[in-house]
Amino acid sequence: MPTILLVEDNEMNRDMLSRRLERKGFRVLTAEDGQLGVDLAIQELPDLILMDMSLPVLDGWGATRLLKSTADTKHIPVIALTAHAMAKDEAEAYQAGCDDFDTKPVELSRLLAKIAAALDKSKSN
C-alpha cells in the first residue's frame, strides 16, 4: 500500500481528500504546514507528496525546494495542489521541483491518474 503525504492547511480539504485517498487504498499521512510536511517527509519517506502551495510557516514552494535538495527525499514525487491555476503558478511549481501540478478544487479521477503516473515513474527510476 503506497503512502501519500498530504500537506494541506485547510482542515476540511485535508480531511476530505485523505478519506477519499484512503478509500482508494492509500495510506495517508497529513501535515498542516510546510515545515511539518518537510519534517514528516524526512521522518516517514512517503511514496508521494501532495503539496498545497499556499501554506503557513513554510509555503509549498519552499517546502518542495527543501525536499528536492535533501538526499533522502529528493526522489519522492511531489504533486503541487493549488487554487492558483495560472500558467505562471504552474511554472513556479515546476521551478520549485514539483513533478506534476493539479488544481483545486480537486477532481479525484484526474488526481488519481497523476498519482498513478508519478508512482509508476518513480518505481522505474
PDB file of N, CA and C in Angstrom:
ATOM      1  N   MET A   1       0.842  -1.174   0.000  1.00  0.00           N
ATOM      2  CA  MET A   1       0.000   0.000   0.000  1.00  0.00           C
ATOM      3  C   MET A   1       0.893   1.245   0.000  1.00  0.00           C
ATOM      4  N   PRO A   2       0.840   2.046  -1.070  1.00  0.00           N
ATOM      5  CA  PRO A   2       1.667   3.257  -1.135  1.00  0.00           C
ATOM      6  C   PRO A   2       1.237   4.275  -0.071  1.00  0.00           C
ATOM      7  N   THR A   3       2.222   5.001   0.417  1.00  0.00           N
ATOM      8  CA  THR A   3       1.978   6.045   1.405  1.00  0.00           C
ATOM      9  C   THR A   3       2.042   7.407   0.727  1.00  0.00           C
ATOM     10  N   ILE A   4       1.014   8.209   0.958  1.00  0.00           N
ATOM     11  CA  ILE A   4       0.959   9.570   0.440  1.00  0.00           C
ATOM     12  C   ILE A   4       0.987  10.534   1.615  1.00  0.00           C
ATOM     13  N   LEU A   5       1.846  11.539   1.514  1.00  0.00           N
ATOM     14  CA  LEU A   5       1.859  12.630   2.485  1.00  0.00           C
ATOM     15  C   LEU A   5       1.071  13.781   1.870  1.00  0.00           C
ATOM     16  N   LEU A   6      -0.002  14.173   2.530  1.00  0.00           N
ATOM     17  CA  LEU A   6      -0.839  15.285   2.101  1.00  0.00           C
ATOM     18  C   LEU A   6      -0.507  16.493   2.971  1.00  0.00           C
ATOM     19  N   VAL A   7       0.071  17.518   2.351  1.00  0.00           N
ATOM     20  CA  VAL A   7       0.422  18.744   3.077  1.00  0.00           C
ATOM     21  C   VAL A   7      -0.599  19.797   2.670  1.00  0.00           C
ATOM     22  N   GLU A   8      -1.530  20.072   3.580  1.00  0.00           N
ATOM     23  CA  GLU A   8      -2.686  20.933   3.293  1.00  0.00           C
ATOM     24  C   GLU A   8      -3.097  21.635   4.576  1.00  0.00           C
ATOM     25  N   ASP A   9      -3.207  22.973   4.532  1.00  0.00           N
ATOM     26  CA  ASP A   9      -3.541  23.710   5.748  1.00  0.00           C
ATOM     27  C   ASP A   9      -5.039  23.800   6.009  1.00  0.00           C
ATOM     28  N   ASN A  10      -5.867  23.607   5.003  1.00  0.00           N
ATOM     29  CA  ASN A  10      -7.314  23.692   5.190  1.00  0.00           C
ATOM     30  C   ASN A  10      -7.816  22.356   5.732  1.00  0.00           C
ATOM     31  N   GLU A  11      -8.330  22.387   6.959  1.00  0.00           N
ATOM     32  CA  GLU A  11      -8.734  21.151   7.637  1.00  0.00           C
ATOM     33  C   GLU A  11      -9.804  20.379   6.869  1.00  0.00           C
ATOM     34  N   MET A  12     -10.764  21.089   6.302  1.00  0.00           N
ATOM     35  CA  MET A  12     -11.834  20.419   5.575  1.00  0.00           C
ATOM     36  C   MET A  12     -11.282  19.741   4.308  1.00  0.00           C
ATOM     37  N   ASN A  13     -10.424  20.433   3.572  1.00  0.00           N
ATOM     38  CA  ASN A  13      -9.808  19.844   2.376  1.00  0.00           C
ATOM     39  C   ASN A  13      -8.944  18.642   2.745  1.00  0.00           C
ATOM     40  N   ARG A  14      -8.178  18.802   3.818  1.00  0.00           N
ATOM     41  CA  ARG A  14      -7.276  17.737   4.273  1.00  0.00           C
ATOM     42  C   ARG A  14      -8.074  16.491   4.657  1.00  0.00           C
ATOM     43  N   ASP A  15      -9.137  16.687   5.410  1.00  0.00           N
ATOM     44  CA  ASP A  15      -9.960  15.569   5.865  1.00  0.00           C
ATOM     45  C   ASP A  15     -10.651  14.874   4.692  1.00  0.00           C
ATOM     46  N   MET A  16     -11.259  15.662   3.813  1.00  0.00           N
ATOM     47  CA  MET A  16     -11.999  15.109   2.685  1.00  0.00           C
ATOM     48  C   MET A  16     -11.071  14.336   1.742  1.00  0.00           C
ATOM     49  N   LEU A  17      -9.944  14.935   1.384  1.00  0.00           N
ATOM     50  CA  LEU A  17      -9.047  14.285   0.436  1.00  0.00           C
ATOM     51  C   LEU A  17      -8.369  13.064   1.054  1.00  0.00           C
ATOM     52  N   SER A  18      -7.984  13.147   2.310  1.00  0.00           N
ATOM     53  CA  SER A  18      -7.337  11.987   2.937  1.00  0.00           C
ATOM     54  C   SER A  18      -8.298  10.801   3.019  1.00  0.00           C
ATOM     55  N   ARG A  19      -9.569  11.058   3.338  1.00  0.00           N
ATOM     56  CA  ARG A  19     -10.545   9.960   3.394  1.00  0.00           C
ATOM     57  C   ARG A  19     -10.773   9.350   2.012  1.00  0.00           C
ATOM     58  N   ARG A  20     -10.839  10.184   0.990  1.00  0.00           N
ATOM     59  CA  ARG A  20     -11.048   9.680  -0.368  1.00  0.00           C
ATOM     60  C   ARG A  20      -9.846   8.850  -0.832  1.00  0.00           C
ATOM     61  N   LEU A  21      -8.649   9.290  -0.497  1.00  0.00           N
ATOM     62  CA  LEU A  21      -7.453   8.539  -0.885  1.00  0.00           C
ATOM     63  C   LEU A  21      -7.354   7.217  -0.116  1.00  0.00           C
ATOM     64  N   GLU A  22      -7.702   7.248   1.163  1.00  0.00           N
ATOM     65  CA  GLU A  22      -7.689   6.012   1.956  1.00  0.00           C
ATOM     66  C   GLU A  22      -8.666   4.986   1.388  1.00  0.00           C
ATOM     67  N   ARG A  23      -9.824   5.446   0.934  1.00  0.00           N
ATOM     68  CA  ARG A  23     -10.795   4.527   0.312  1.00  0.00           C
ATOM     69  C   ARG A  23     -10.259   3.926  -0.980  1.00  0.00           C
ATOM     70  N   LYS A  24      -9.306   4.588  -1.615  1.00  0.00           N
ATOM     71  CA  LYS A  24      -8.686   4.073  -2.844  1.00  0.00           C
ATOM     72  C   LYS A  24      -7.480   3.189  -2.541  1.00  0.00           C
ATOM     73  N   GLY A  25      -7.216   2.951  -1.249  1.00  0.00           N
ATOM     74  CA  GLY A  25      -6.165   2.011  -0.876  1.00  0.00           C
ATOM     75  C   GLY A  25      -4.831   2.605  -0.490  1.00  0.00           C
ATOM     76  N   PHE A  26      -4.761   3.917  -0.332  1.00  0.00           N
ATOM     77  CA  PHE A  26      -3.511   4.556   0.067  1.00  0.00           C
ATOM     78  C   PHE A  26      -3.459   4.730   1.577  1.00  0.00           C
ATOM     79  N   ARG A  27      -2.260   4.671   2.120  1.00  0.00           N
ATOM     80  CA  ARG A  27      -2.017   5.089   3.499  1.00  0.00           C
ATOM     81  C   ARG A  27      -1.731   6.583   3.406  1.00  0.00           C
ATOM     82  N   VAL A  28      -2.429   7.383   4.198  1.00  0.00           N
ATOM     83  CA  VAL A  28      -2.293   8.833   4.089  1.00  0.00           C
ATOM     84  C   VAL A  28      -1.774   9.421   5.396  1.00  0.00           C
ATOM     85  N   LEU A  29      -0.704  10.190   5.275  1.00  0.00           N
ATOM     86  CA  LEU A  29      -0.163  10.988   6.379  1.00  0.00           C
ATOM     87  C   LEU A  29      -0.529  12.435   6.070  1.00  0.00           C
ATOM     88  N   THR A  30      -0.742  13.242   7.090  1.00  0.00           N
ATOM     89  CA  THR A  30      -1.098  14.636   6.842  1.00  0.00           C
ATOM     90  C   THR A  30      -0.231  15.590   7.653  1.00  0.00           C
ATOM     91  N   ALA A  31      -0.047  16.770   7.080  1.00  0.00           N
ATOM     92  CA  ALA A  31       0.643  17.865   7.757  1.00  0.00           C
ATOM     93  C   ALA A  31      -0.090  19.145   7.399  1.00  0.00           C
ATOM     94  N   GLU A  32      -0.199  20.054   8.344  1.00  0.00           N
ATOM     95  CA  GLU A  32      -0.966  21.272   8.110  1.00  0.00           C
ATOM     96  C   GLU A  32      -0.140  22.501   7.767  1.00  0.00           C
ATOM     97  N   ASP A  33       1.180  22.371   7.706  1.00  0.00           N
ATOM     98  CA  ASP A  33       2.005  23.475   7.207  1.00  0.00           C
ATOM     99  C   ASP A  33       3.251  22.905   6.536  1.00  0.00           C
ATOM    100  N   GLY A  34       3.934  23.757   5.800  1.00  0.00           N
ATOM    101  CA  GLY A  34       5.071  23.300   5.006  1.00  0.00           C
ATOM    102  C   GLY A  34       6.215  22.726   5.834  1.00  0.00           C
ATOM    103  N   GLN A  35       6.504  23.338   6.972  1.00  0.00           N
ATOM    104  CA  GLN A  35       7.611  22.838   7.796  1.00  0.00           C
ATOM    105  C   GLN A  35       7.284  21.464   8.370  1.00  0.00           C
ATOM    106  N   LEU A  36       6.052  21.284   8.854  1.00  0.00           N
ATOM    107  CA  LEU A  36       5.652  19.969   9.350  1.00  0.00           C
ATOM    108  C   LEU A  36       5.692  18.945   8.225  1.00  0.00           C
ATOM    109  N   GLY A  37       5.323  19.369   7.015  1.00  0.00           N
ATOM    110  CA  GLY A  37       5.384  18.488   5.857  1.00  0.00           C
ATOM    111  C   GLY A  37       6.797  18.022   5.564  1.00  0.00           C
ATOM    112  N   VAL A  38       7.738  18.953   5.592  1.00  0.00           N
ATOM    113  CA  VAL A  38       9.149  18.601   5.365  1.00  0.00           C
ATOM    114  C   VAL A  38       9.622  17.639   6.449  1.00  0.00           C
ATOM    115  N   ASP A  39       9.341  17.961   7.700  1.00  0.00           N
ATOM    116  CA  ASP A  39       9.772  17.117   8.817  1.00  0.00           C
ATOM    117  C   ASP A  39       9.191  15.712   8.710  1.00  0.00           C
ATOM    118  N   LEU A  40       7.908  15.616   8.380  1.00  0.00           N
ATOM    119  CA  LEU A  40       7.254  14.315   8.269  1.00  0.00           C
ATOM    120  C   LEU A  40       7.776  13.531   7.070  1.00  0.00           C
ATOM    121  N   ALA A  41       8.049  14.221   5.971  1.00  0.00           N
ATOM    122  CA  ALA A  41       8.604  13.556   4.786  1.00  0.00           C
ATOM    123  C   ALA A  41       9.967  12.956   5.092  1.00  0.00           C
ATOM    124  N   ILE A  42      10.803  13.681   5.805  1.00  0.00           N
ATOM    125  CA  ILE A  42      12.138  13.186   6.166  1.00  0.00           C
ATOM    126  C   ILE A  42      12.024  11.999   7.118  1.00  0.00           C
ATOM    127  N   GLN A  43      11.080  12.076   8.036  1.00  0.00           N
ATOM    128  CA  GLN A  43      10.894  11.010   9.026  1.00  0.00           C
ATOM    129  C   GLN A  43      10.262   9.757   8.419  1.00  0.00           C
ATOM    130  N   GLU A  44       9.242   9.915   7.588  1.00  0.00           N
ATOM    131  CA  GLU A  44       8.442   8.786   7.103  1.00  0.00           C
ATOM    132  C   GLU A  44       8.804   8.299   5.696  1.00  0.00           C
ATOM    133  N   LEU A  45       9.458   9.144   4.883  1.00  0.00           N
ATOM    134  CA  LEU A  45       9.798   8.824   3.495  1.00  0.00           C
ATOM    135  C   LEU A  45       8.609   8.234   2.729  1.00  0.00           C
ATOM    136  N   PRO A  46       7.559   9.049   2.524  1.00  0.00           N
ATOM    137  CA  PRO A  46       6.369   8.568   1.812  1.00  0.00           C
ATOM    138  C   PRO A  46       6.704   8.269   0.350  1.00  0.00           C
ATOM    139  N   ASP A  47       5.801   7.571  -0.313  1.00  0.00           N
ATOM    140  CA  ASP A  47       5.992   7.252  -1.728  1.00  0.00           C
ATOM    141  C   ASP A  47       5.693   8.447  -2.625  1.00  0.00           C
ATOM    142  N   LEU A  48       4.870   9.378  -2.132  1.00  0.00           N
ATOM    143  CA  LEU A  48       4.468  10.538  -2.928  1.00  0.00           C
ATOM    144  C   LEU A  48       3.981  11.630  -1.982  1.00  0.00           C
ATOM    145  N   ILE A  49       4.152  12.879  -2.413  1.00  0.00           N
ATOM    146  CA  ILE A  49       3.693  14.018  -1.610  1.00  0.00           C
ATOM    147  C   ILE A  49       2.733  14.866  -2.436  1.00  0.00           C
ATOM    148  N   LEU A  50       1.578  15.166  -1.857  1.00  0.00           N
ATOM    149  CA  LEU A  50       0.644  16.137  -2.422  1.00  0.00           C
ATOM    150  C   LEU A  50       0.856  17.429  -1.645  1.00  0.00           C
ATOM    151  N   MET A  51       1.321  18.463  -2.324  1.00  0.00           N
ATOM    152  CA  MET A  51       1.768  19.685  -1.658  1.00  0.00           C
ATOM    153  C   MET A  51       0.910  20.880  -2.041  1.00  0.00           C
ATOM    154  N   ASP A  52       0.153  21.389  -1.066  1.00  0.00           N
ATOM    155  CA  ASP A  52      -0.520  22.669  -1.260  1.00  0.00           C
ATOM    156  C   ASP A  52       0.580  23.718  -1.389  1.00  0.00           C
ATOM    157  N   MET A  53       0.362  24.736  -2.189  1.00  0.00           N
ATOM    158  CA  MET A  53       1.403  25.750  -2.371  1.00  0.00           C
ATOM    159  C   MET A  53       1.260  26.902  -1.395  1.00  0.00           C
ATOM    160  N   SER A  54       0.037  27.226  -0.998  1.00  0.00           N
ATOM    161  CA  SER A  54      -0.203  28.342  -0.066  1.00  0.00           C
ATOM    162  C   SER A  54      -0.346  27.786   1.338  1.00  0.00           C
ATOM    163  N   LEU A  55       0.779  27.715   2.031  1.00  0.00           N
ATOM    164  CA  LEU A  55       0.819  27.113   3.371  1.00  0.00           C
ATOM    165  C   LEU A  55       1.400  28.088   4.380  1.00  0.00           C
ATOM    166  N   PRO A  56       1.009  27.963   5.643  1.00  0.00           N
ATOM    167  CA  PRO A  56       1.649  28.763   6.686  1.00  0.00           C
ATOM    168  C   PRO A  56       3.022  28.202   7.048  1.00  0.00           C
ATOM    169  N   VAL A  57       3.773  28.953   7.778  1.00  0.00           N
ATOM    170  CA  VAL A  57       5.110  28.647   8.299  1.00  0.00           C
ATOM    171  C   VAL A  57       6.132  28.569   7.166  1.00  0.00           C
ATOM    172  N   LEU A  58       5.954  27.636   6.242  1.00  0.00           N
ATOM    173  CA  LEU A  58       6.827  27.480   5.077  1.00  0.00           C
ATOM    174  C   LEU A  58       5.912  27.136   3.913  1.00  0.00           C
ATOM    175  N   ASP A  59       5.924  27.967   2.867  1.00  0.00           N
ATOM    176  CA  ASP A  59       4.993  27.705   1.767  1.00  0.00           C
ATOM    177  C   ASP A  59       5.407  26.461   0.975  1.00  0.00           C
ATOM    178  N   GLY A  60       4.513  26.030   0.102  1.00  0.00           N
ATOM    179  CA  GLY A  60       4.749  24.795  -0.655  1.00  0.00           C
ATOM    180  C   GLY A  60       5.948  24.868  -1.578  1.00  0.00           C
ATOM    181  N   TRP A  61       6.214  26.050  -2.124  1.00  0.00           N
ATOM    182  CA  TRP A  61       7.377  26.203  -2.988  1.00  0.00           C
ATOM    183  C   TRP A  61       8.663  25.992  -2.187  1.00  0.00           C
ATOM    184  N   GLY A  62       8.744  26.639  -1.026  1.00  0.00           N
ATOM    185  CA  GLY A  62       9.925  26.491  -0.173  1.00  0.00           C
ATOM    186  C   GLY A  62      10.077  25.079   0.354  1.00  0.00           C
ATOM    187  N   ALA A  63       8.955  24.471   0.755  1.00  0.00           N
ATOM    188  CA  ALA A  63       8.999  23.095   1.264  1.00  0.00           C
ATOM    189  C   ALA A  63       9.479  22.137   0.179  1.00  0.00           C
ATOM    190  N   THR A  64       8.990  22.321  -1.043  1.00  0.00           N
ATOM    191  CA  THR A  64       9.404  21.452  -2.147  1.00  0.00           C
ATOM    192  C   THR A  64      10.882  21.642  -2.446  1.00  0.00           C
ATOM    193  N   ARG A  65      11.342  22.888  -2.480  1.00  0.00           N
ATOM    194  CA  ARG A  65      12.778  23.134  -2.716  1.00  0.00           C
ATOM    195  C   ARG A  65      13.645  22.423  -1.669  1.00  0.00           C
ATOM    196  N   LEU A  66      13.222  22.499  -0.407  1.00  0.00           N
ATOM    197  CA  LEU A  66      13.965  21.813   0.660  1.00  0.00           C
ATOM    198  C   LEU A  66      13.981  20.308   0.448  1.00  0.00           C
ATOM    199  N   LEU A  67      12.816  19.737   0.137  1.00  0.00           N
ATOM    200  CA  LEU A  67      12.727  18.283  -0.054  1.00  0.00           C
ATOM    201  C   LEU A  67      13.557  17.832  -1.249  1.00  0.00           C
ATOM    202  N   LYS A  68      13.552  18.616  -2.324  1.00  0.00           N
ATOM    203  CA  LYS A  68      14.285  18.228  -3.530  1.00  0.00           C
ATOM    204  C   LYS A  68      15.784  18.466  -3.402  1.00  0.00           C
ATOM    205  N   SER A  69      16.193  19.202  -2.368  1.00  0.00           N
ATOM    206  CA  SER A  69      17.626  19.431  -2.149  1.00  0.00           C
ATOM    207  C   SER A  69      18.187  18.530  -1.049  1.00  0.00           C
ATOM    208  N   THR A  70      17.361  17.644  -0.512  1.00  0.00           N
ATOM    209  CA  THR A  70      17.774  16.734   0.558  1.00  0.00           C
ATOM    210  C   THR A  70      17.923  15.328  -0.017  1.00  0.00           C
ATOM    211  N   ALA A  71      19.079  14.722   0.197  1.00  0.00           N
ATOM    212  CA  ALA A  71      19.383  13.427  -0.417  1.00  0.00           C
ATOM    213  C   ALA A  71      18.321  12.364  -0.148  1.00  0.00           C
ATOM    214  N   ASP A  72      17.829  12.297   1.079  1.00  0.00           N
ATOM    215  CA  ASP A  72      16.873  11.240   1.430  1.00  0.00           C
ATOM    216  C   ASP A  72      15.489  11.435   0.830  1.00  0.00           C
ATOM    217  N   THR A  73      15.141  12.666   0.421  1.00  0.00           N
ATOM    218  CA  THR A  73      13.777  12.927  -0.054  1.00  0.00           C
ATOM    219  C   THR A  73      13.710  13.414  -1.503  1.00  0.00           C
ATOM    220  N   LYS A  74      14.833  13.674  -2.130  1.00  0.00           N
ATOM    221  CA  LYS A  74      14.782  14.271  -3.476  1.00  0.00           C
ATOM    222  C   LYS A  74      14.122  13.369  -4.514  1.00  0.00           C
ATOM    223  N   HIS A  75      14.102  12.069  -4.265  1.00  0.00           N
ATOM    224  CA  HIS A  75      13.493  11.123  -5.217  1.00  0.00           C
ATOM    225  C   HIS A  75      11.973  11.024  -5.079  1.00  0.00           C
ATOM    226  N   ILE A  76      11.400  11.564  -4.008  1.00  0.00           N
ATOM    227  CA  ILE A  76       9.959  11.432  -3.759  1.00  0.00           C
ATOM    228  C   ILE A  76       9.206  12.370  -4.703  1.00  0.00           C
ATOM    229  N   PRO A  77       8.270  11.825  -5.499  1.00  0.00           N
ATOM    230  CA  PRO A  77       7.491  12.699  -6.380  1.00  0.00           C
ATOM    231  C   PRO A  77       6.612  13.652  -5.575  1.00  0.00           C
ATOM    232  N   VAL A  78       6.573  14.894  -6.032  1.00  0.00           N
ATOM    233  CA  VAL A  78       5.743  15.923  -5.400  1.00  0.00           C
ATOM    234  C   VAL A  78       4.763  16.443  -6.446  1.00  0.00           C
ATOM    235  N   ILE A  79       3.483  16.373  -6.112  1.00  0.00           N
ATOM    236  CA  ILE A  79       2.442  16.948  -6.965  1.00  0.00           C
ATOM    237  C   ILE A  79       1.914  18.192  -6.270  1.00  0.00           C
ATOM    238  N   ALA A  80       2.048  19.327  -6.945  1.00  0.00           N
ATOM    239  CA  ALA A  80       1.529  20.586  -6.406  1.00  0.00           C
ATOM    240  C   ALA A  80       0.015  20.579  -6.499  1.00  0.00           C
ATOM    241  N   LEU A  81      -0.641  20.986  -5.418  1.00  0.00           N
ATOM    242  CA  LEU A  81      -2.095  21.166  -5.397  1.00  0.00           C
ATOM    243  C   LEU A  81      -2.353  22.619  -5.040  1.00  0.00           C
ATOM    244  N   THR A  82      -3.025  23.336  -5.930  1.00  0.00           N
ATOM    245  CA  THR A  82      -3.226  24.746  -5.655  1.00  0.00           C
ATOM    246  C   THR A  82      -4.480  25.291  -6.315  1.00  0.00           C
ATOM    247  N   ALA A  83      -5.053  26.290  -5.694  1.00  0.00           N
ATOM    248  CA  ALA A  83      -6.179  27.007  -6.285  1.00  0.00           C
ATOM    249  C   ALA A  83      -5.664  28.020  -7.307  1.00  0.00           C
ATOM    250  N   HIS A  84      -4.368  28.278  -7.303  1.00  0.00           N
ATOM    251  CA  HIS A  84      -3.745  29.206  -8.252  1.00  0.00           C
ATOM    252  C   HIS A  84      -3.538  28.462  -9.569  1.00  0.00           C
ATOM    253  N   ALA A  85      -4.388  28.729 -10.536  1.00  0.00           N
ATOM    254  CA  ALA A  85      -4.400  27.930 -11.767  1.00  0.00           C
ATOM    255  C   ALA A  85      -3.808  28.662 -12.973  1.00  0.00           C
ATOM    256  N   MET A  86      -3.089  29.728 -12.735  1.00  0.00           N
ATOM    257  CA  MET A  86      -2.488  30.466 -13.841  1.00  0.00           C
ATOM    258  C   MET A  86      -1.231  29.743 -14.328  1.00  0.00           C
ATOM    259  N   ALA A  87      -0.877  29.969 -15.579  1.00  0.00           N
ATOM    260  CA  ALA A  87       0.312  29.320 -16.161  1.00  0.00           C
ATOM    261  C   ALA A  87       1.569  29.647 -15.362  1.00  0.00           C
ATOM    262  N   LYS A  88       1.663  30.880 -14.868  1.00  0.00           N
ATOM    263  CA  LYS A  88       2.855  31.249 -14.089  1.00  0.00           C
ATOM    264  C   LYS A  88       2.932  30.458 -12.778  1.00  0.00           C
ATOM    265  N   ASP A  89       1.773  30.136 -12.185  1.00  0.00           N
ATOM    266  CA  ASP A  89       1.757  29.345 -10.953  1.00  0.00           C
ATOM    267  C   ASP A  89       2.253  27.929 -11.224  1.00  0.00           C
ATOM    268  N   GLU A  90       1.834  27.375 -12.354  1.00  0.00           N
ATOM    269  CA  GLU A  90       2.288  26.042 -12.738  1.00  0.00           C
ATOM    270  C   GLU A  90       3.796  26.060 -12.999  1.00  0.00           C
ATOM    271  N   ALA A  91       4.279  27.067 -13.706  1.00  0.00           N
ATOM    272  CA  ALA A  91       5.714  27.183 -13.986  1.00  0.00           C
ATOM    273  C   ALA A  91       6.506  27.323 -12.690  1.00  0.00           C
ATOM    274  N   GLU A  92       5.988  28.110 -11.749  1.00  0.00           N
ATOM    275  CA  GLU A  92       6.651  28.282 -10.454  1.00  0.00           C
ATOM    276  C   GLU A  92       6.745  26.964  -9.697  1.00  0.00           C
ATOM    277  N   ALA A  93       5.685  26.168  -9.752  1.00  0.00           N
ATOM    278  CA  ALA A  93       5.687  24.871  -9.073  1.00  0.00           C
ATOM    279  C   ALA A  93       6.762  23.960  -9.661  1.00  0.00           C
ATOM    280  N   TYR A  94       6.845  23.926 -10.976  1.00  0.00           N
ATOM    281  CA  TYR A  94       7.875  23.093 -11.614  1.00  0.00           C
ATOM    282  C   TYR A  94       9.281  23.620 -11.292  1.00  0.00           C
ATOM    283  N   GLN A  95       9.452  24.939 -11.265  1.00  0.00           N
ATOM    284  CA  GLN A  95      10.759  25.512 -10.914  1.00  0.00           C
ATOM    285  C   GLN A  95      11.165  25.153  -9.494  1.00  0.00           C
ATOM    286  N   ALA A  96      10.184  25.028  -8.604  1.00  0.00           N
ATOM    287  CA  ALA A  96      10.480  24.660  -7.215  1.00  0.00           C
ATOM    288  C   ALA A  96      10.856  23.185  -7.092  1.00  0.00           C
ATOM    289  N   GLY A  97      10.560  22.389  -8.136  1.00  0.00           N
ATOM    290  CA  GLY A  97      10.916  20.977  -8.106  1.00  0.00           C
ATOM    291  C   GLY A  97       9.737  20.020  -8.125  1.00  0.00           C
ATOM    292  N   CYS A  98       8.523  20.544  -8.235  1.00  0.00           N
ATOM    293  CA  CYS A  98       7.352  19.661  -8.300  1.00  0.00           C
ATOM    294  C   CYS A  98       7.421  18.805  -9.559  1.00  0.00           C
ATOM    295  N   ASP A  99       6.944  17.573  -9.436  1.00  0.00           N
ATOM    296  CA  ASP A  99       6.949  16.644 -10.561  1.00  0.00           C
ATOM    297  C   ASP A  99       5.675  16.754 -11.393  1.00  0.00           C
ATOM    298  N   ASP A 100       4.621  17.280 -10.800  1.00  0.00           N
ATOM    299  CA  ASP A 100       3.363  17.463 -11.509  1.00  0.00           C
ATOM    300  C   ASP A 100       2.582  18.558 -10.799  1.00  0.00           C
ATOM    301  N   PHE A 101       1.453  18.926 -11.365  1.00  0.00           N
ATOM    302  CA  PHE A 101       0.690  20.078 -10.909  1.00  0.00           C
ATOM    303  C   PHE A 101      -0.789  19.767 -11.088  1.00  0.00           C
ATOM    304  N   ASP A 102      -1.603  20.066 -10.090  1.00  0.00           N
ATOM    305  CA  ASP A 102      -3.041  19.897 -10.222  1.00  0.00           C
ATOM    306  C   ASP A 102      -3.731  21.039  -9.492  1.00  0.00           C
ATOM    307  N   THR A 103      -4.923  21.349  -9.939  1.00  0.00           N
ATOM    308  CA  THR A 103      -5.640  22.495  -9.388  1.00  0.00           C
ATOM    309  C   THR A 103      -6.760  22.066  -8.449  1.00  0.00           C
ATOM    310  N   LYS A 104      -7.108  22.997  -7.580  1.00  0.00           N
ATOM    311  CA  LYS A 104      -8.256  22.831  -6.691  1.00  0.00           C
ATOM    312  C   LYS A 104      -9.409  23.607  -7.295  1.00  0.00           C
ATOM    313  N   PRO A 105     -10.631  23.184  -7.103  1.00  0.00           N
ATOM    314  CA  PRO A 105     -10.994  22.003  -6.334  1.00  0.00           C
ATOM    315  C   PRO A 105     -10.514  20.729  -7.025  1.00  0.00           C
ATOM    316  N   VAL A 106     -10.161  19.758  -6.213  1.00  0.00           N
ATOM    317  CA  VAL A 106      -9.594  18.507  -6.708  1.00  0.00           C
ATOM    318  C   VAL A 106     -10.660  17.713  -7.452  1.00  0.00           C
ATOM    319  N   GLU A 107     -10.295  17.283  -8.651  1.00  0.00           N
ATOM    320  CA  GLU A 107     -11.108  16.332  -9.399  1.00  0.00           C
ATOM    321  C   GLU A 107     -10.435  14.978  -9.172  1.00  0.00           C
ATOM    322  N   LEU A 108     -11.041  14.124  -8.356  1.00  0.00           N
ATOM    323  CA  LEU A 108     -10.376  12.920  -7.872  1.00  0.00           C
ATOM    324  C   LEU A 108      -9.865  12.023  -8.990  1.00  0.00           C
ATOM    325  N   SER A 109     -10.635  11.789 -10.025  1.00  0.00           N
ATOM    326  CA  SER A 109     -10.177  10.884 -11.090  1.00  0.00           C
ATOM    327  C   SER A 109      -8.926  11.431 -11.769  1.00  0.00           C
ATOM    328  N   ARG A 110      -8.882  12.734 -12.000  1.00  0.00           N
ATOM    329  CA  ARG A 110      -7.702  13.351 -12.614  1.00  0.00           C
ATOM    330  C   ARG A 110      -6.491  13.241 -11.680  1.00  0.00           C
ATOM    331  N   LEU A 111      -6.709  13.527 -10.406  1.00  0.00           N
ATOM    332  CA  LEU A 111      -5.619  13.449  -9.441  1.00  0.00           C
ATOM    333  C   LEU A 111      -5.114  12.017  -9.297  1.00  0.00           C
ATOM    334  N   LEU A 112      -6.011  11.053  -9.250  1.00  0.00           N
ATOM    335  CA  LEU A 112      -5.592   9.645  -9.137  1.00  0.00           C
ATOM    336  C   LEU A 112      -4.750   9.224 -10.332  1.00  0.00           C
ATOM    337  N   ALA A 113      -5.084   9.711 -11.523  1.00  0.00           N
ATOM    338  CA  ALA A 113      -4.283   9.398 -12.711  1.00  0.00           C
ATOM    339  C   ALA A 113      -2.881   9.987 -12.577  1.00  0.00           C
ATOM    340  N   LYS A 114      -2.788  11.190 -12.057  1.00  0.00           N
ATOM    341  CA  LYS A 114      -1.480  11.828 -11.859  1.00  0.00           C
ATOM    342  C   LYS A 114      -0.672  11.097 -10.785  1.00  0.00           C
ATOM    343  N   ILE A 115      -1.343  10.672  -9.726  1.00  0.00           N
ATOM    344  CA  ILE A 115      -0.672   9.907  -8.670  1.00  0.00           C
ATOM    345  C   ILE A 115      -0.132   8.599  -9.238  1.00  0.00           C
ATOM    346  N   ALA A 116      -0.956   7.882  -9.997  1.00  0.00           N
ATOM    347  CA  ALA A 116      -0.534   6.606 -10.583  1.00  0.00           C
ATOM    348  C   ALA A 116       0.659   6.803 -11.507  1.00  0.00           C
ATOM    349  N   ALA A 117       0.623   7.830 -12.341  1.00  0.00           N
ATOM    350  CA  ALA A 117       1.731   8.101 -13.263  1.00  0.00           C
ATOM    351  C   ALA A 117       3.007   8.428 -12.496  1.00  0.00           C
ATOM    352  N   ALA A 118       2.901   9.240 -11.459  1.00  0.00           N
ATOM    353  CA  ALA A 118       4.083   9.623 -10.673  1.00  0.00           C
ATOM    354  C   ALA A 118       4.662   8.408  -9.930  1.00  0.00           C
ATOM    355  N   LEU A 119       3.803   7.570  -9.382  1.00  0.00           N
ATOM    356  CA  LEU A 119       4.280   6.371  -8.667  1.00  0.00           C
ATOM    357  C   LEU A 119       4.939   5.395  -9.637  1.00  0.00           C
ATOM    358  N   ASP A 120       4.339   5.218 -10.829  1.00  0.00           N
ATOM    359  CA  ASP A 120       4.933   4.338 -11.838  1.00  0.00           C
ATOM    360  C   ASP A 120       6.292   4.851 -12.266  1.00  0.00           C
ATOM    361  N   LYS A 121       6.393   6.147 -12.497  1.00  0.00           N
ATOM    362  CA  LYS A 121       7.656   6.752 -12.933  1.00  0.00           C
ATOM    363  C   LYS A 121       8.728   6.605 -11.847  1.00  0.00           C
ATOM    364  N   SER A 122       8.353   6.791 -10.588  1.00  0.00           N
ATOM    365  CA  SER A 122       9.345   6.704  -9.509  1.00  0.00           C
ATOM    366  C   SER A 122       9.821   5.260  -9.305  1.00  0.00           C
ATOM    367  N   LYS A 123       8.954   4.287  -9.586  1.00  0.00           N
ATOM    368  CA  LYS A 123       9.365   2.872  -9.474  1.00  0.00           C
ATOM    369  C   LYS A 123      10.375   2.509 -10.551  1.00  0.00           C
ATOM    370  N   SER A 124      10.247   3.132 -11.738  1.00  0.00           N
ATOM    371  CA  SER A 124      11.140   2.795 -12.838  1.00  0.00           C
ATOM    372  C   SER A 124      12.484   3.518 -12.743  1.00  0.00           C
ATOM    373  N   ASN A 125      12.599   4.490 -11.856  1.00  0.00           N
ATOM    374  CA  ASN A 125      13.881   5.212 -11.691  1.00  0.00           C
ATOM    375  C   ASN A 125      14.793   4.537 -10.708  1.00  0.00           C
TER     376      ASN A 125
END
